N, C-alpha and C. Protein backbone atom coordinates (compact mmCIF):
# COMPACT_ATOMS: atom_id res chain seq x y z
N UNK A 1 -8.26 -17.11 -12.60
CA UNK A 1 -8.78 -15.84 -13.04
C UNK A 1 -8.76 -14.81 -11.92
N UNK A 2 -9.08 -15.27 -10.69
CA UNK A 2 -9.12 -14.32 -9.58
C UNK A 2 -7.72 -13.82 -9.22
N UNK A 3 -6.71 -14.66 -9.48
CA UNK A 3 -5.33 -14.22 -9.21
C UNK A 3 -4.95 -13.10 -10.16
N UNK A 4 -5.35 -13.21 -11.41
CA UNK A 4 -5.06 -12.17 -12.39
C UNK A 4 -5.76 -10.86 -12.02
N UNK A 5 -7.01 -10.95 -11.60
CA UNK A 5 -7.73 -9.75 -11.17
C UNK A 5 -7.07 -9.16 -9.92
N UNK A 6 -6.61 -10.02 -9.02
CA UNK A 6 -5.92 -9.55 -7.83
C UNK A 6 -4.64 -8.81 -8.16
N UNK A 7 -3.88 -9.34 -9.10
CA UNK A 7 -2.63 -8.68 -9.51
C UNK A 7 -2.93 -7.33 -10.15
N UNK A 8 -3.96 -7.28 -10.98
CA UNK A 8 -4.33 -6.01 -11.63
C UNK A 8 -4.76 -4.99 -10.58
N UNK A 9 -5.55 -5.42 -9.59
CA UNK A 9 -5.98 -4.50 -8.54
C UNK A 9 -4.80 -3.99 -7.72
N UNK A 10 -3.85 -4.85 -7.43
CA UNK A 10 -2.66 -4.42 -6.69
C UNK A 10 -1.87 -3.40 -7.50
N UNK A 11 -1.69 -3.66 -8.78
CA UNK A 11 -0.95 -2.72 -9.62
C UNK A 11 -1.66 -1.37 -9.72
N UNK A 12 -2.97 -1.39 -9.89
CA UNK A 12 -3.73 -0.14 -9.96
C UNK A 12 -3.61 0.62 -8.64
N UNK A 13 -3.72 -0.09 -7.53
CA UNK A 13 -3.60 0.56 -6.23
C UNK A 13 -2.23 1.15 -5.99
N UNK A 14 -1.18 0.42 -6.37
CA UNK A 14 0.18 0.92 -6.19
C UNK A 14 0.45 2.14 -7.06
N UNK A 15 0.03 2.09 -8.31
CA UNK A 15 0.24 3.24 -9.21
C UNK A 15 -0.51 4.46 -8.69
N UNK A 16 -1.72 4.26 -8.23
CA UNK A 16 -2.51 5.37 -7.70
C UNK A 16 -1.88 5.95 -6.45
N UNK A 17 -1.41 5.10 -5.55
CA UNK A 17 -0.76 5.59 -4.32
C UNK A 17 0.51 6.36 -4.63
N UNK A 18 1.31 5.85 -5.55
CA UNK A 18 2.56 6.53 -5.91
C UNK A 18 2.27 7.87 -6.57
N UNK A 19 1.27 7.90 -7.44
CA UNK A 19 0.91 9.16 -8.10
C UNK A 19 0.44 10.20 -7.10
N UNK A 20 -0.38 9.79 -6.14
CA UNK A 20 -0.83 10.74 -5.12
C UNK A 20 0.32 11.20 -4.24
N UNK A 21 1.25 10.30 -3.92
CA UNK A 21 2.42 10.70 -3.12
C UNK A 21 3.28 11.71 -3.87
N UNK A 22 3.45 11.52 -5.15
CA UNK A 22 4.23 12.46 -5.96
C UNK A 22 3.56 13.82 -6.00
N UNK A 23 2.24 13.84 -6.12
CA UNK A 23 1.54 15.14 -6.16
C UNK A 23 1.64 15.87 -4.82
N UNK A 24 1.60 15.13 -3.71
CA UNK A 24 1.79 15.75 -2.40
C UNK A 24 3.20 16.30 -2.27
N UNK A 25 4.19 15.58 -2.76
CA UNK A 25 5.57 16.05 -2.70
C UNK A 25 5.77 17.29 -3.55
N UNK A 26 5.16 17.32 -4.74
CA UNK A 26 5.27 18.51 -5.59
C UNK A 26 4.63 19.72 -4.92
N UNK A 27 3.51 19.49 -4.26
CA UNK A 27 2.86 20.59 -3.55
C UNK A 27 3.75 21.08 -2.40
N UNK A 28 4.42 20.16 -1.74
CA UNK A 28 5.35 20.55 -0.68
C UNK A 28 6.50 21.38 -1.24
N UNK A 29 7.04 20.97 -2.37
CA UNK A 29 8.16 21.70 -2.98
C UNK A 29 7.73 23.12 -3.38
N UNK A 30 6.48 23.28 -3.80
CA UNK A 30 5.98 24.60 -4.18
C UNK A 30 5.88 25.52 -2.97
N UNK A 31 5.41 24.99 -1.86
CA UNK A 31 5.14 25.80 -0.68
C UNK A 31 6.21 25.64 0.38
N UNK A 32 7.39 25.21 0.02
CA UNK A 32 8.44 24.93 0.98
C UNK A 32 8.85 26.18 1.76
N UNK A 33 8.90 27.30 1.11
CA UNK A 33 9.35 28.52 1.76
C UNK A 33 8.29 29.04 2.73
N UNK A 34 7.02 28.83 2.42
CA UNK A 34 5.94 29.43 3.19
C UNK A 34 5.69 28.75 4.53
N UNK A 35 5.84 27.43 4.61
CA UNK A 35 5.53 26.72 5.84
C UNK A 35 6.70 25.84 6.25
N UNK A 36 6.68 25.42 7.51
CA UNK A 36 7.72 24.52 7.97
C UNK A 36 7.46 23.11 7.43
N UNK A 37 8.50 22.31 7.38
CA UNK A 37 8.39 20.97 6.80
C UNK A 37 7.47 20.08 7.63
N UNK A 38 7.63 20.11 8.94
CA UNK A 38 6.83 19.23 9.80
C UNK A 38 5.35 19.59 9.72
N UNK A 39 5.05 20.88 9.75
CA UNK A 39 3.65 21.30 9.68
C UNK A 39 3.03 20.91 8.35
N UNK A 40 3.77 21.11 7.26
CA UNK A 40 3.23 20.79 5.95
C UNK A 40 3.01 19.29 5.80
N UNK A 41 3.94 18.47 6.29
CA UNK A 41 3.77 17.02 6.19
C UNK A 41 2.58 16.53 7.00
N UNK A 42 2.39 17.11 8.19
CA UNK A 42 1.24 16.72 9.01
C UNK A 42 -0.07 17.08 8.32
N UNK A 43 -0.13 18.30 7.80
CA UNK A 43 -1.35 18.75 7.12
C UNK A 43 -1.61 17.93 5.86
N UNK A 44 -0.57 17.64 5.09
CA UNK A 44 -0.77 16.89 3.85
C UNK A 44 -1.18 15.44 4.12
N UNK A 45 -0.63 14.83 5.16
CA UNK A 45 -1.03 13.47 5.51
C UNK A 45 -2.48 13.45 5.98
N UNK A 46 -2.85 14.42 6.81
CA UNK A 46 -4.24 14.47 7.27
C UNK A 46 -5.20 14.74 6.12
N UNK A 47 -4.79 15.58 5.19
CA UNK A 47 -5.65 15.84 4.02
C UNK A 47 -5.76 14.60 3.14
N UNK A 48 -4.66 13.89 2.98
CA UNK A 48 -4.69 12.69 2.14
C UNK A 48 -5.54 11.59 2.76
N UNK A 49 -5.59 11.53 4.08
CA UNK A 49 -6.35 10.48 4.74
C UNK A 49 -7.81 10.85 4.97
N UNK A 50 -8.16 12.10 4.78
CA UNK A 50 -9.56 12.49 4.97
C UNK A 50 -10.35 12.17 3.71
N UNK A 51 -11.41 11.40 3.85
CA UNK A 51 -12.18 11.04 2.65
C UNK A 51 -13.03 12.19 2.12
N UNK A 52 -13.00 13.34 2.77
CA UNK A 52 -13.80 14.47 2.28
C UNK A 52 -13.18 15.13 1.06
N UNK A 53 -11.88 14.98 0.88
CA UNK A 53 -11.23 15.55 -0.30
C UNK A 53 -11.12 14.50 -1.40
N UNK A 54 -10.98 14.95 -2.62
CA UNK A 54 -10.90 14.03 -3.76
C UNK A 54 -9.64 13.18 -3.67
N UNK A 55 -8.52 13.80 -3.30
CA UNK A 55 -7.27 13.04 -3.21
C UNK A 55 -7.34 12.02 -2.08
N UNK A 56 -7.99 12.38 -0.98
CA UNK A 56 -8.15 11.43 0.12
C UNK A 56 -9.02 10.25 -0.28
N UNK A 57 -10.08 10.55 -1.01
CA UNK A 57 -10.96 9.49 -1.49
C UNK A 57 -10.23 8.57 -2.46
N UNK A 58 -9.43 9.15 -3.34
CA UNK A 58 -8.66 8.34 -4.29
C UNK A 58 -7.62 7.49 -3.56
N UNK A 59 -7.01 8.06 -2.52
CA UNK A 59 -6.02 7.30 -1.75
C UNK A 59 -6.69 6.13 -1.03
N UNK A 60 -7.86 6.36 -0.45
CA UNK A 60 -8.58 5.28 0.21
C UNK A 60 -8.98 4.20 -0.79
N UNK A 61 -9.41 4.59 -1.99
CA UNK A 61 -9.76 3.61 -3.01
C UNK A 61 -8.55 2.79 -3.44
N UNK A 62 -7.38 3.43 -3.51
CA UNK A 62 -6.19 2.68 -3.89
C UNK A 62 -5.80 1.68 -2.81
N UNK A 63 -5.96 2.06 -1.54
CA UNK A 63 -5.69 1.11 -0.46
C UNK A 63 -6.68 -0.05 -0.48
N UNK A 64 -7.93 0.24 -0.75
CA UNK A 64 -8.94 -0.81 -0.84
C UNK A 64 -8.63 -1.75 -2.01
N UNK A 65 -8.18 -1.19 -3.13
CA UNK A 65 -7.83 -2.03 -4.28
C UNK A 65 -6.67 -2.95 -3.95
N UNK A 66 -5.69 -2.45 -3.21
CA UNK A 66 -4.55 -3.29 -2.82
C UNK A 66 -5.01 -4.41 -1.90
N UNK A 67 -5.85 -4.09 -0.92
CA UNK A 67 -6.32 -5.11 0.03
C UNK A 67 -7.17 -6.16 -0.68
N UNK A 68 -8.07 -5.74 -1.55
CA UNK A 68 -8.90 -6.71 -2.29
C UNK A 68 -8.03 -7.56 -3.21
N UNK A 69 -7.03 -6.94 -3.84
CA UNK A 69 -6.11 -7.70 -4.69
C UNK A 69 -5.36 -8.76 -3.91
N UNK A 70 -4.88 -8.39 -2.72
CA UNK A 70 -4.19 -9.38 -1.88
C UNK A 70 -5.14 -10.49 -1.44
N UNK A 71 -6.37 -10.12 -1.13
CA UNK A 71 -7.35 -11.14 -0.72
C UNK A 71 -7.67 -12.08 -1.87
N UNK A 72 -7.75 -11.57 -3.09
CA UNK A 72 -8.02 -12.44 -4.24
C UNK A 72 -6.84 -13.36 -4.53
N UNK A 73 -5.63 -12.85 -4.37
CA UNK A 73 -4.46 -13.68 -4.64
C UNK A 73 -4.33 -14.79 -3.61
N UNK A 74 -4.57 -14.48 -2.35
CA UNK A 74 -4.41 -15.49 -1.30
C UNK A 74 -5.58 -16.46 -1.24
N UNK A 75 -6.64 -16.19 -2.00
CA UNK A 75 -7.77 -17.11 -2.02
C UNK A 75 -8.71 -16.93 -0.86
N UNK A 76 -8.78 -15.75 -0.32
CA UNK A 76 -9.64 -15.49 0.83
C UNK A 76 -11.12 -15.61 0.47
N UNK A 77 -11.47 -15.32 -0.77
CA UNK A 77 -12.87 -15.35 -1.18
C UNK A 77 -13.29 -16.69 -1.78
N UNK A 78 -12.47 -17.70 -1.72
CA UNK A 78 -12.81 -19.00 -2.32
C UNK A 78 -13.61 -19.84 -1.37
């Protein structure tokens, strides 16, 4: 049962991470003309990793879901 929960957590974490990455890329495409690529990527990565923003909090939760899923699959909590 814990393996199934682990797989579900990994899938939820991966889907969430991919969705957040796509939204950051779309935001970059919108503002491509206004800022340089390097500056925008640095700012977007820092914003995504800061837990003060909603997207950063969601990204951290997706990473936690992946780690807990891997721990459940490998039997770390048994």
